[in-house]
PDB file of all heavy atoms in Angstrom:
ATOM      1  N   GLU A   1       0.834  -1.210   0.000  1.00  0.00           N
ATOM      2  CA  GLU A   1       0.000   0.000   0.000  1.00  0.00           C
ATOM      3  C   GLU A   1       0.866   1.255   0.000  1.00  0.00           C
ATOM      4  O   GLU A   1       0.570   2.222  -0.695  1.00  0.00           O
ATOM      5  CB  GLU A   1      -0.920   0.022   1.227  1.00  0.00           C
ATOM      6  CG  GLU A   1      -2.173  -0.763   1.077  1.00  0.00           C
ATOM      7  CD  GLU A   1      -3.131  -0.536   2.261  1.00  0.00           C
ATOM      8  OE1 GLU A   1      -2.730   0.068   3.267  1.00  0.00           O
ATOM      9  OE2 GLU A   1      -4.279  -0.966   2.143  1.00  0.00           O
ATOM     10  N   ASN A   2       1.940   1.231   0.781  1.00  0.00           N
ATOM     11  CA  ASN A   2       2.842   2.367   0.879  1.00  0.00           C
ATOM     12  C   ASN A   2       3.472   2.660  -0.476  1.00  0.00           C
ATOM     13  O   ASN A   2       3.530   3.815  -0.911  1.00  0.00           O
ATOM     14  CB  ASN A   2       3.903   2.075   1.934  1.00  0.00           C
ATOM     15  CG  ASN A   2       4.709   3.295   2.292  1.00  0.00           C
ATOM     16  OD1 ASN A   2       4.336   4.413   1.982  1.00  0.00           O
ATOM     17  ND2 ASN A   2       5.836   3.076   2.948  1.00  0.00           N
ATOM     18  N   LEU A   3       3.926   1.618  -1.155  1.00  0.00           N
ATOM     19  CA  LEU A   3       4.512   1.814  -2.486  1.00  0.00           C
ATOM     20  C   LEU A   3       3.486   2.352  -3.471  1.00  0.00           C
ATOM     21  O   LEU A   3       3.789   3.234  -4.287  1.00  0.00           O
ATOM     22  CB  LEU A   3       5.107   0.497  -2.995  1.00  0.00           C
ATOM     23  CG  LEU A   3       6.402   0.053  -2.328  1.00  0.00           C
ATOM     24  CD1 LEU A   3       6.797  -1.333  -2.826  1.00  0.00           C
ATOM     25  CD2 LEU A   3       7.515   1.051  -2.592  1.00  0.00           C
ATOM     26  N   GLU A   4       2.269   1.823  -3.365  1.00  0.00           N
ATOM     27  CA  GLU A   4       1.207   2.297  -4.264  1.00  0.00           C
ATOM     28  C   GLU A   4       0.925   3.770  -4.002  1.00  0.00           C
ATOM     29  O   GLU A   4       0.812   4.565  -4.941  1.00  0.00           O
ATOM     30  CB  GLU A   4      -0.062   1.467  -4.044  1.00  0.00           C
ATOM     31  CG  GLU A   4      -1.179   1.835  -5.000  1.00  0.00           C
ATOM     32  CD  GLU A   4      -2.427   0.992  -4.770  1.00  0.00           C
ATOM     33  OE1 GLU A   4      -2.315  -0.087  -4.157  1.00  0.00           O
ATOM     34  OE2 GLU A   4      -3.500   1.439  -5.199  1.00  0.00           O
ATOM     35  N   MET A   5       0.847   4.161  -2.717  1.00  0.00           N
ATOM     36  CA  MET A   5       0.593   5.559  -2.384  1.00  0.00           C
ATOM     37  C   MET A   5       1.770   6.432  -2.818  1.00  0.00           C
ATOM     38  O   MET A   5       1.590   7.549  -3.298  1.00  0.00           O
ATOM     39  CB  MET A   5       0.332   5.714  -0.885  1.00  0.00           C
ATOM     40  CG  MET A   5      -0.983   5.087  -0.461  1.00  0.00           C
ATOM     41  SD  MET A   5      -1.236   5.293   1.271  1.00  0.00           S
ATOM     42  CE  MET A   5      -2.229   6.762   1.255  1.00  0.00           C
ATOM     43  N   HIS A   6       2.967   5.928  -2.671  1.00  0.00           N
ATOM     44  CA  HIS A   6       4.147   6.668  -3.111  1.00  0.00           C
ATOM     45  C   HIS A   6       4.075   6.927  -4.613  1.00  0.00           C
ATOM     46  O   HIS A   6       4.317   8.049  -5.082  1.00  0.00           O
ATOM     47  CB  HIS A   6       5.406   5.876  -2.745  1.00  0.00           C
ATOM     48  CG  HIS A   6       6.675   6.497  -3.226  1.00  0.00           C
ATOM     49  ND1 HIS A   6       7.149   7.687  -2.726  1.00  0.00           N
ATOM     50  CD2 HIS A   6       7.573   6.111  -4.174  1.00  0.00           C
ATOM     51  CE1 HIS A   6       8.273   7.997  -3.328  1.00  0.00           C
ATOM     52  NE2 HIS A   6       8.549   7.050  -4.223  1.00  0.00           N
ATOM     53  N   ASP A   7       3.731   5.879  -5.366  1.00  0.00           N
ATOM     54  CA  ASP A   7       3.608   6.040  -6.818  1.00  0.00           C
ATOM     55  C   ASP A   7       2.515   7.041  -7.169  1.00  0.00           C
ATOM     56  O   ASP A   7       2.684   7.880  -8.062  1.00  0.00           O
ATOM     57  CB  ASP A   7       3.321   4.687  -7.474  1.00  0.00           C
ATOM     58  CG  ASP A   7       4.526   3.757  -7.426  1.00  0.00           C
ATOM     59  OD1 ASP A   7       5.645   4.262  -7.162  1.00  0.00           O
ATOM     60  OD2 ASP A   7       4.355   2.540  -7.624  1.00  0.00           O
ATOM     61  N   ARG A   8       1.381   6.988  -6.458  1.00  0.00           N
ATOM     62  CA  ARG A   8       0.295   7.947  -6.714  1.00  0.00           C
ATOM     63  C   ARG A   8       0.730   9.376  -6.418  1.00  0.00           C
ATOM     64  O   ARG A   8       0.448  10.295  -7.183  1.00  0.00           O
ATOM     65  CB  ARG A   8      -0.928   7.607  -5.848  1.00  0.00           C
ATOM     66  CG  ARG A   8      -1.703   6.430  -6.333  1.00  0.00           C
ATOM     67  CD  ARG A   8      -2.914   6.228  -5.457  1.00  0.00           C
ATOM     68  NE  ARG A   8      -3.635   5.021  -5.810  1.00  0.00           N
ATOM     69  CZ  ARG A   8      -4.631   4.527  -5.135  1.00  0.00           C
ATOM     70  NH1 ARG A   8      -5.034   5.140  -4.030  1.00  0.00           N
ATOM     71  NH2 ARG A   8      -5.238   3.431  -5.529  1.00  0.00           N
ATOM     72  N   ILE A   9       1.449   9.549  -5.295  1.00  0.00           N
ATOM     73  CA  ILE A   9       1.918  10.887  -4.938  1.00  0.00           C
ATOM     74  C   ILE A   9       2.903  11.395  -5.972  1.00  0.00           C
ATOM     75  O   ILE A   9       2.838  12.556  -6.404  1.00  0.00           O
ATOM     76  CB  ILE A   9       2.539  10.882  -3.520  1.00  0.00           C
ATOM     77  CG1 ILE A   9       1.436  10.715  -2.490  1.00  0.00           C
ATOM     78  CG2 ILE A   9       3.334  12.150  -3.260  1.00  0.00           C
ATOM     79  CD1 ILE A   9       1.932  10.513  -1.066  1.00  0.00           C
ATOM     80  N   GLU A  10       3.816  10.538  -6.421  1.00  0.00           N
ATOM     81  CA  GLU A  10       4.768  10.927  -7.468  1.00  0.00           C
ATOM     82  C   GLU A  10       4.011  11.338  -8.726  1.00  0.00           C
ATOM     83  O   GLU A  10       4.329  12.342  -9.357  1.00  0.00           O
ATOM     84  CB  GLU A  10       5.727   9.758  -7.778  1.00  0.00           C
ATOM     85  CG  GLU A  10       6.740   9.468  -6.703  1.00  0.00           C
ATOM     86  CD  GLU A  10       7.805  10.537  -6.624  1.00  0.00           C
ATOM     87  OE1 GLU A  10       8.153  11.158  -7.652  1.00  0.00           O
ATOM     88  OE2 GLU A  10       8.282  10.775  -5.496  1.00  0.00           O
ATOM     89  N   HIS A  11       3.003  10.545  -9.038  1.00  0.00           N
ATOM     90  CA  HIS A  11       2.215  10.851 -10.246  1.00  0.00           C
ATOM     91  C   HIS A  11       1.491  12.185 -10.079  1.00  0.00           C
ATOM     92  O   HIS A  11       1.503  13.014 -11.000  1.00  0.00           O
ATOM     93  CB  HIS A  11       1.217   9.714 -10.494  1.00  0.00           C
ATOM     94  CG  HIS A  11       0.359   9.930 -11.684  1.00  0.00           C
ATOM     95  ND1 HIS A  11       0.855   9.890 -12.976  1.00  0.00           N
ATOM     96  CD2 HIS A  11      -0.971  10.204 -11.803  1.00  0.00           C
ATOM     97  CE1 HIS A  11      -0.123  10.127 -13.819  1.00  0.00           C
ATOM     98  NE2 HIS A  11      -1.258  10.319 -13.140  1.00  0.00           N
ATOM     99  N   LEU A  12       0.885  12.427  -8.912  1.00  0.00           N
ATOM    100  CA  LEU A  12       0.194  13.699  -8.668  1.00  0.00           C
ATOM    101  C   LEU A  12       1.168  14.872  -8.675  1.00  0.00           C
ATOM    102  O   LEU A  12       0.868  15.944  -9.209  1.00  0.00           O
ATOM    103  CB  LEU A  12      -0.545  13.645  -7.328  1.00  0.00           C
ATOM    104  CG  LEU A  12      -1.801  12.776  -7.291  1.00  0.00           C
ATOM    105  CD1 LEU A  12      -2.336  12.702  -5.862  1.00  0.00           C
ATOM    106  CD2 LEU A  12      -2.867  13.328  -8.225  1.00  0.00           C
ATOM    107  N   ILE A  13       2.343  14.688  -8.116  1.00  0.00           N
ATOM    108  CA  ILE A  13       3.340  15.758  -8.100  1.00  0.00           C
ATOM    109  C   ILE A  13       3.761  16.088  -9.521  1.00  0.00           C
ATOM    110  O   ILE A  13       3.881  17.251  -9.902  1.00  0.00           O
ATOM    111  CB  ILE A  13       4.552  15.345  -7.237  1.00  0.00           C
ATOM    112  CG1 ILE A  13       4.165  15.337  -5.765  1.00  0.00           C
ATOM    113  CG2 ILE A  13       5.736  16.276  -7.476  1.00  0.00           C
ATOM    114  CD1 ILE A  13       5.232  14.786  -4.849  1.00  0.00           C
ATOM    115  N   GLU A  14       3.973  15.045 -10.327  1.00  0.00           N
ATOM    116  CA  GLU A  14       4.355  15.277 -11.717  1.00  0.00           C
ATOM    117  C   GLU A  14       3.250  16.018 -12.466  1.00  0.00           C
ATOM    118  O   GLU A  14       3.514  16.915 -13.263  1.00  0.00           O
ATOM    119  CB  GLU A  14       4.679  13.953 -12.401  1.00  0.00           C
ATOM    120  CG  GLU A  14       5.984  13.360 -11.965  1.00  0.00           C
ATOM    121  CD  GLU A  14       6.225  11.991 -12.591  1.00  0.00           C
ATOM    122  OE1 GLU A  14       5.476  11.573 -13.503  1.00  0.00           O
ATOM    123  OE2 GLU A  14       7.188  11.331 -12.153  1.00  0.00           O
ATOM    124  N   LYS A  15       1.989  15.677 -12.189  1.00  0.00           N
ATOM    125  CA  LYS A  15       0.869  16.375 -12.828  1.00  0.00           C
ATOM    126  C   LYS A  15       0.836  17.838 -12.403  1.00  0.00           C
ATOM    127  O   LYS A  15       0.635  18.724 -13.225  1.00  0.00           O
ATOM    128  CB  LYS A  15      -0.455  15.716 -12.450  1.00  0.00           C
ATOM    129  CG  LYS A  15      -0.816  14.546 -13.274  1.00  0.00           C
ATOM    130  CD  LYS A  15      -2.232  14.108 -12.900  1.00  0.00           C
ATOM    131  CE  LYS A  15      -2.692  12.953 -13.732  1.00  0.00           C
ATOM    132  NZ  LYS A  15      -4.045  12.523 -13.349  1.00  0.00           N
ATOM    133  N   GLN A  16       1.030  18.080 -11.094  1.00  0.00           N
ATOM    134  CA  GLN A  16       0.991  19.454 -10.591  1.00  0.00           C
ATOM    135  C   GLN A  16       2.153  20.257 -11.164  1.00  0.00           C
ATOM    136  O   GLN A  16       2.002  21.421 -11.516  1.00  0.00           O
ATOM    137  CB  GLN A  16       1.051  19.469  -9.066  1.00  0.00           C
ATOM    138  CG  GLN A  16      -0.236  19.068  -8.409  1.00  0.00           C
ATOM    139  CD  GLN A  16      -0.140  19.090  -6.885  1.00  0.00           C
ATOM    140  OE1 GLN A  16       0.941  19.317  -6.345  1.00  0.00           O
ATOM    141  NE2 GLN A  16      -1.250  18.844  -6.236  1.00  0.00           N
ATOM    142  N   VAL A  17       3.308  19.650 -11.266  1.00  0.00           N
ATOM    143  CA  VAL A  17       4.467  20.348 -11.806  1.00  0.00           C
ATOM    144  C   VAL A  17       4.226  20.669 -13.277  1.00  0.00           C
ATOM    145  O   VAL A  17       4.501  21.775 -13.740  1.00  0.00           O
ATOM    146  CB  VAL A  17       5.738  19.506 -11.621  1.00  0.00           C
ATOM    147  CG1 VAL A  17       6.904  20.060 -12.425  1.00  0.00           C
ATOM    148  CG2 VAL A  17       6.101  19.434 -10.154  1.00  0.00           C
ATOM    149  N   SER A  18       3.676  19.731 -14.008  1.00  0.00           N
ATOM    150  CA  SER A  18       3.448  19.986 -15.437  1.00  0.00           C
ATOM    151  C   SER A  18       2.341  21.024 -15.626  1.00  0.00           C
ATOM    152  O   SER A  18       2.419  21.874 -16.497  1.00  0.00           O
ATOM    153  CB  SER A  18       3.118  18.699 -16.170  1.00  0.00           C
ATOM    154  OG  SER A  18       1.899  18.168 -15.684  1.00  0.00           O
ATOM    155  N   ARG A  19       1.314  21.046 -14.778  1.00  0.00           N
ATOM    156  CA  ARG A  19       0.269  22.069 -14.862  1.00  0.00           C
ATOM    157  C   ARG A  19       0.786  23.397 -14.312  1.00  0.00           C
ATOM    158  O   ARG A  19       0.407  24.451 -14.753  1.00  0.00           O
ATOM    159  CB  ARG A  19      -0.960  21.657 -14.060  1.00  0.00           C
ATOM    160  CG  ARG A  19      -1.897  20.819 -14.890  1.00  0.00           C
ATOM    161  CD  ARG A  19      -3.219  20.689 -14.197  1.00  0.00           C
ATOM    162  NE  ARG A  19      -3.185  19.469 -13.399  1.00  0.00           N
ATOM    163  CZ  ARG A  19      -3.896  19.249 -12.340  1.00  0.00           C
ATOM    164  NH1 ARG A  19      -4.710  20.169 -11.887  1.00  0.00           N
ATOM    165  NH2 ARG A  19      -3.813  18.124 -11.692  1.00  0.00           N
ATOM    166  N   GLY A  20       1.604  23.303 -13.326  1.00  0.00           N
ATOM    167  CA  GLY A  20       2.139  24.503 -12.696  1.00  0.00           C
ATOM    168  C   GLY A  20       3.049  25.274 -13.636  1.00  0.00           C
ATOM    169  O   GLY A  20       3.252  26.467 -13.480  1.00  0.00           O
ATOM    170  N   GLY A  21       3.629  24.674 -14.633  1.00  0.00           N
ATOM    171  CA  GLY A  21       4.492  25.349 -15.589  1.00  0.00           C
ATOM    172  C   GLY A  21       3.730  26.384 -16.383  1.00  0.00           C
ATOM    173  O   GLY A  21       4.275  27.367 -16.827  1.00  0.00           O
ATOM    174  N   HIS A  22       2.438  26.209 -16.549  1.00  0.00           N
ATOM    175  CA  HIS A  22       1.620  27.141 -17.305  1.00  0.00           C
ATOM    176  C   HIS A  22       1.127  28.268 -16.424  1.00  0.00           C
ATOM    177  O   HIS A  22       0.644  29.268 -16.901  1.00  0.00           O
ATOM    178  CB  HIS A  22       0.414  26.423 -17.925  1.00  0.00           C
ATOM    179  CG  HIS A  22       0.833  25.338 -18.868  1.00  0.00           C
ATOM    180  ND1 HIS A  22       1.488  25.612 -20.054  1.00  0.00           N
ATOM    181  CD2 HIS A  22       0.713  24.000 -18.796  1.00  0.00           C
ATOM    182  CE1 HIS A  22       1.730  24.476 -20.673  1.00  0.00           C
ATOM    183  NE2 HIS A  22       1.258  23.469 -19.924  1.00  0.00           N
ATOM    184  N   SER A  23       1.247  28.094 -15.139  1.00  0.00           N
ATOM    185  CA  SER A  23       0.729  29.132 -14.245  1.00  0.00           C
ATOM    186  C   SER A  23       1.715  30.281 -14.166  1.00  0.00           C
ATOM    187  O   SER A  23       2.819  30.217 -14.678  1.00  0.00           O
ATOM    188  CB  SER A  23       0.457  28.565 -12.858  1.00  0.00           C
ATOM    189  OG  SER A  23       1.675  28.185 -12.260  1.00  0.00           O
ATOM    190  N   SER A  24       1.276  31.343 -13.490  1.00  0.00           N
ATOM    191  CA  SER A  24       2.096  32.546 -13.400  1.00  0.00           C
ATOM    192  C   SER A  24       3.387  32.270 -12.646  1.00  0.00           C
ATOM    193  O   SER A  24       4.395  32.862 -12.929  1.00  0.00           O
ATOM    194  CB  SER A  24       1.310  33.662 -12.729  1.00  0.00           C
ATOM    195  OG  SER A  24       0.927  33.220 -11.433  1.00  0.00           O
ATOM    196  N   ARG A  25       3.331  31.457 -11.674  1.00  0.00           N
ATOM    197  CA  ARG A  25       4.524  31.141 -10.883  1.00  0.00           C
ATOM    198  C   ARG A  25       4.836  29.657 -11.056  1.00  0.00           C
ATOM    199  O   ARG A  25       4.065  28.812 -10.649  1.00  0.00           O
ATOM    200  CB  ARG A  25       4.260  31.469  -9.416  1.00  0.00           C
ATOM    201  CG  ARG A  25       5.443  31.182  -8.541  1.00  0.00           C
ATOM    202  CD  ARG A  25       5.109  31.581  -7.115  1.00  0.00           C
ATOM    203  NE  ARG A  25       6.170  31.114  -6.244  1.00  0.00           N
ATOM    204  CZ  ARG A  25       6.093  30.073  -5.446  1.00  0.00           C
ATOM    205  NH1 ARG A  25       5.014  29.370  -5.373  1.00  0.00           N
ATOM    206  NH2 ARG A  25       7.110  29.727  -4.687  1.00  0.00           N
ATOM    207  N   ALA A  26       5.939  29.307 -11.599  1.00  0.00           N
ATOM    208  CA  ALA A  26       6.306  27.905 -11.805  1.00  0.00           C
ATOM    209  C   ALA A  26       6.969  27.381 -10.553  1.00  0.00           C
ATOM    210  O   ALA A  26       7.821  28.041  -9.977  1.00  0.00           O
ATOM    211  CB  ALA A  26       7.248  27.787 -13.001  1.00  0.00           C
ATOM    212  N   ARG A  27       6.553  26.232 -10.198  1.00  0.00           N
ATOM    213  CA  ARG A  27       7.154  25.599  -9.018  1.00  0.00           C
ATOM    214  C   ARG A  27       8.319  24.735  -9.465  1.00  0.00           C
ATOM    215  O   ARG A  27       8.207  23.971 -10.411  1.00  0.00           O
ATOM    216  CB  ARG A  27       6.148  24.719  -8.280  1.00  0.00           C
ATOM    217  CG  ARG A  27       5.068  25.503  -7.631  1.00  0.00           C
ATOM    218  CD  ARG A  27       4.224  24.547  -6.829  1.00  0.00           C
ATOM    219  NE  ARG A  27       3.099  25.271  -6.234  1.00  0.00           N
ATOM    220  CZ  ARG A  27       2.164  24.716  -5.527  1.00  0.00           C
ATOM    221  NH1 ARG A  27       2.196  23.424  -5.320  1.00  0.00           N
ATOM    222  NH2 ARG A  27       1.200  25.419  -5.000  1.00  0.00           N
ATOM    223  N   SER A  28       9.367  24.856  -8.737  1.00  0.00           N
ATOM    224  CA  SER A  28      10.501  23.994  -9.061  1.00  0.00           C
ATOM    225  C   SER A  28      10.454  22.765  -8.168  1.00  0.00           C
ATOM    226  O   SER A  28       9.830  22.771  -7.118  1.00  0.00           O
ATOM    227  CB  SER A  28      11.811  24.757  -8.868  1.00  0.00           C
ATOM    228  OG  SER A  28      11.992  25.006  -7.488  1.00  0.00           O
ATOM    229  N   LYS A  29      11.157  21.762  -8.592  1.00  0.00           N
ATOM    230  CA  LYS A  29      11.173  20.536  -7.795  1.00  0.00           C
ATOM    231  C   LYS A  29      11.862  20.755  -6.466  1.00  0.00           C
ATOM    232  O   LYS A  29      11.671  20.003  -5.538  1.00  0.00           O
ATOM    233  CB  LYS A  29      11.870  19.401  -8.558  1.00  0.00           C
ATOM    234  CG  LYS A  29      10.989  18.739  -9.559  1.00  0.00           C
ATOM    235  CD  LYS A  29      11.618  17.456 -10.040  1.00  0.00           C
ATOM    236  CE  LYS A  29      10.654  16.707 -10.931  1.00  0.00           C
ATOM    237  NZ  LYS A  29      11.196  15.453 -11.371  1.00  0.00           N
ATOM    238  N   SER A  30      12.653  21.793  -6.367  1.00  0.00           N
ATOM    239  CA  SER A  30      13.349  22.046  -5.116  1.00  0.00           C
ATOM    240  C   SER A  30      12.393  22.483  -4.026  1.00  0.00           C
ATOM    241  O   SER A  30      12.729  22.462  -2.857  1.00  0.00           O
ATOM    242  CB  SER A  30      14.450  23.089  -5.307  1.00  0.00           C
ATOM    243  OG  SER A  30      13.869  24.312  -5.691  1.00  0.00           O
ATOM    244  N   GLU A  31      11.200  22.941  -4.429  1.00  0.00           N
ATOM    245  CA  GLU A  31      10.219  23.309  -3.415  1.00  0.00           C
ATOM    246  C   GLU A  31       9.684  22.095  -2.690  1.00  0.00           C
ATOM    247  O   GLU A  31       9.155  22.213  -1.601  1.00  0.00           O
ATOM    248  CB  GLU A  31       9.065  24.089  -4.060  1.00  0.00           C
ATOM    249  CG  GLU A  31       9.459  25.452  -4.540  1.00  0.00           C
ATOM    250  CD  GLU A  31       8.283  26.176  -5.144  1.00  0.00           C
ATOM    251  OE1 GLU A  31       7.168  25.601  -5.181  1.00  0.00           O
ATOM    252  OE2 GLU A  31       8.464  27.303  -5.560  1.00  0.00           O
ATOM    253  N   TYR A  32       9.782  21.019  -3.328  1.00  0.00           N
ATOM    254  CA  TYR A  32       9.306  19.789  -2.716  1.00  0.00           C
ATOM    255  C   TYR A  32      10.495  19.068  -2.087  1.00  0.00           C
ATOM    256  O   TYR A  32      11.477  18.832  -2.765  1.00  0.00           O
ATOM    257  CB  TYR A  32       8.654  18.861  -3.743  1.00  0.00           C
ATOM    258  CG  TYR A  32       7.446  19.479  -4.383  1.00  0.00           C
ATOM    259  CD1 TYR A  32       7.528  20.066  -5.635  1.00  0.00           C
ATOM    260  CD2 TYR A  32       6.231  19.485  -3.713  1.00  0.00           C
ATOM    261  CE1 TYR A  32       6.438  20.640  -6.215  1.00  0.00           C
ATOM    262  CE2 TYR A  32       5.132  20.071  -4.302  1.00  0.00           C
ATOM    263  CZ  TYR A  32       5.231  20.640  -5.547  1.00  0.00           C
ATOM    264  OH  TYR A  32       4.147  21.209  -6.107  1.00  0.00           O
ATOM    265  N   VAL A  33      10.347  18.749  -0.840  1.00  0.00           N
ATOM    266  CA  VAL A  33      11.405  17.976  -0.190  1.00  0.00           C
ATOM    267  C   VAL A  33      11.116  16.524  -0.519  1.00  0.00           C
ATOM    268  O   VAL A  33      10.019  16.036  -0.243  1.00  0.00           O
ATOM    269  CB  VAL A  33      11.402  18.207   1.338  1.00  0.00           C
ATOM    270  CG1 VAL A  33      12.450  17.327   1.994  1.00  0.00           C
ATOM    271  CG2 VAL A  33      11.624  19.662   1.630  1.00  0.00           C
ATOM    272  N   SER A  34      12.081  15.932  -1.140  1.00  0.00           N
ATOM    273  CA  SER A  34      11.809  14.566  -1.585  1.00  0.00           C
ATOM    274  C   SER A  34      11.742  13.616  -0.393  1.00  0.00           C
ATOM    275  O   SER A  34      12.317  13.865   0.651  1.00  0.00           O
ATOM    276  CB  SER A  34      12.894  14.117  -2.557  1.00  0.00           C
ATOM    277  OG  SER A  34      14.112  14.034  -1.872  1.00  0.00           O
ATOM    278  N   SER A  35      11.033  12.567  -0.621  1.00  0.00           N
ATOM    279  CA  SER A  35      10.882  11.562   0.433  1.00  0.00           C
ATOM    280  C   SER A  35      12.033  10.571   0.346  1.00  0.00           C
ATOM    281  O   SER A  35      12.634  10.416  -0.701  1.00  0.00           O
ATOM    282  CB  SER A  35       9.554  10.841   0.289  1.00  0.00           C
ATOM    283  OG  SER A  35       9.555  10.134  -0.928  1.00  0.00           O
ATOM    284  N   LYS A  36      12.304   9.976   1.443  1.00  0.00           N
ATOM    285  CA  LYS A  36      13.368   8.973   1.476  1.00  0.00           C
ATOM    286  C   LYS A  36      12.753   7.642   1.873  1.00  0.00           C
ATOM    287  O   LYS A  36      11.917   7.586   2.759  1.00  0.00           O
ATOM    288  CB  LYS A  36      14.403   9.323   2.539  1.00  0.00           C
ATOM    289  CG  LYS A  36      15.309  10.425   2.187  1.00  0.00           C
ATOM    290  CD  LYS A  36      16.348  10.529   3.281  1.00  0.00           C
ATOM    291  CE  LYS A  36      17.349  11.605   3.012  1.00  0.00           C
ATOM    292  NZ  LYS A  36      18.329  11.700   4.081  1.00  0.00           N
ATOM    293  N   ARG A  37      13.198   6.620   1.229  1.00  0.00           N
ATOM    294  CA  ARG A  37      12.827   5.278   1.670  1.00  0.00           C
ATOM    295  C   ARG A  37      13.970   4.781   2.529  1.00  0.00           C
ATOM    296  O   ARG A  37      15.110   4.749   2.104  1.00  0.00           O
ATOM    297  CB  ARG A  37      12.642   4.336   0.498  1.00  0.00           C
ATOM    298  CG  ARG A  37      11.338   4.496  -0.157  1.00  0.00           C
ATOM    299  CD  ARG A  37      11.089   3.338  -1.068  1.00  0.00           C
ATOM    300  NE  ARG A  37      10.015   3.727  -1.953  1.00  0.00           N
ATOM    301  CZ  ARG A  37       9.666   3.059  -3.011  1.00  0.00           C
ATOM    302  NH1 ARG A  37      10.304   1.972  -3.337  1.00  0.00           N
ATOM    303  NH2 ARG A  37       8.684   3.460  -3.747  1.00  0.00           N
ATOM    304  N   LEU A  38      13.627   4.412   3.724  1.00  0.00           N
ATOM    305  CA  LEU A  38      14.653   3.906   4.617  1.00  0.00           C
ATOM    306  C   LEU A  38      14.698   2.397   4.476  1.00  0.00           C
ATOM    307  O   LEU A  38      13.668   1.737   4.528  1.00  0.00           O
ATOM    308  CB  LEU A  38      14.338   4.294   6.066  1.00  0.00           C
ATOM    309  CG  LEU A  38      14.273   5.792   6.324  1.00  0.00           C
ATOM    310  CD1 LEU A  38      13.845   6.034   7.758  1.00  0.00           C
ATOM    311  CD2 LEU A  38      15.615   6.436   6.072  1.00  0.00           C
ATOM    312  N   THR A  39      15.899   1.918   4.289  1.00  0.00           N
ATOM    313  CA  THR A  39      16.029   0.458   4.180  1.00  0.00           C
ATOM    314  C   THR A  39      16.598  -0.067   5.473  1.00  0.00           C
ATOM    315  O   THR A  39      17.303   0.622   6.186  1.00  0.00           O
ATOM    316  CB  THR A  39      16.939   0.075   3.008  1.00  0.00           C
ATOM    317  OG1 THR A  39      18.201   0.666   3.233  1.00  0.00           O
ATOM    318  CG2 THR A  39      16.343   0.503   1.690  1.00  0.00           C
ATOM    319  N   GLY A  40      16.272  -1.248   5.743  1.00  0.00           N
ATOM    320  CA  GLY A  40      16.738  -1.869   6.964  1.00  0.00           C
ATOM    321  C   GLY A  40      15.925  -3.122   7.197  1.00  0.00           C
ATOM    322  O   GLY A  40      15.245  -3.608   6.297  1.00  0.00           O
ATOM    323  N   PRO A  41      15.954  -3.612   8.401  1.00  0.00           N
ATOM    324  CA  PRO A  41      15.219  -4.836   8.663  1.00  0.00           C
ATOM    325  C   PRO A  41      13.720  -4.654   8.529  1.00  0.00           C
ATOM    326  O   PRO A  41      13.013  -5.555   8.154  1.00  0.00           O
ATOM    327  CB  PRO A  41      15.590  -5.190  10.104  1.00  0.00           C
ATOM    328  CG  PRO A  41      16.188  -3.971  10.693  1.00  0.00           C
ATOM    329  CD  PRO A  41      16.669  -3.137   9.558  1.00  0.00           C
ATOM    330  N   LYS A  42      13.231  -3.433   8.788  1.00  0.00           N
ATOM    331  CA  LYS A  42      11.795  -3.194   8.696  1.00  0.00           C
ATOM    332  C   LYS A  42      11.604  -1.852   8.006  1.00  0.00           C
ATOM    333  O   LYS A  42      11.990  -0.818   8.551  1.00  0.00           O
ATOM    334  CB  LYS A  42      11.201  -3.177  10.100  1.00  0.00           C
ATOM    335  CG  LYS A  42       9.722  -2.972  10.148  1.00  0.00           C
ATOM    336  CD  LYS A  42       9.240  -3.062  11.569  1.00  0.00           C
ATOM    337  CE  LYS A  42       7.782  -2.708  11.658  1.00  0.00           C
ATOM    338  NZ  LYS A  42       7.328  -2.674  13.031  1.00  0.00           N
ATOM    339  N   PRO A  43      11.007  -1.821   6.804  1.00  0.00           N
ATOM    340  CA  PRO A  43      10.824  -0.542   6.113  1.00  0.00           C
ATOM    341  C   PRO A  43       9.866   0.349   6.893  1.00  0.00           C
ATOM    342  O   PRO A  43       8.880  -0.120   7.440  1.00  0.00           O
ATOM    343  CB  PRO A  43      10.243  -0.922   4.756  1.00  0.00           C
ATOM    344  CG  PRO A  43      10.178  -2.390   4.708  1.00  0.00           C
ATOM    345  CD  PRO A  43      10.554  -2.928   6.032  1.00  0.00           C
TER     346      PRO A  43
END
C-alpha cells in the first residue's frame, strides 16, 4: 500500500508540476522535499 501511495503521490506531483508550468509562478522541484525510503530490517 505504501509503495502504491508513493507512486500515486509521485504521479500527482508530476501532474501538478506539469500544470504549474503554465501558471504565473512555476514551481521547481526544489520546493518539494523529496521523500526517502529507509532500508533496513523493517521498512
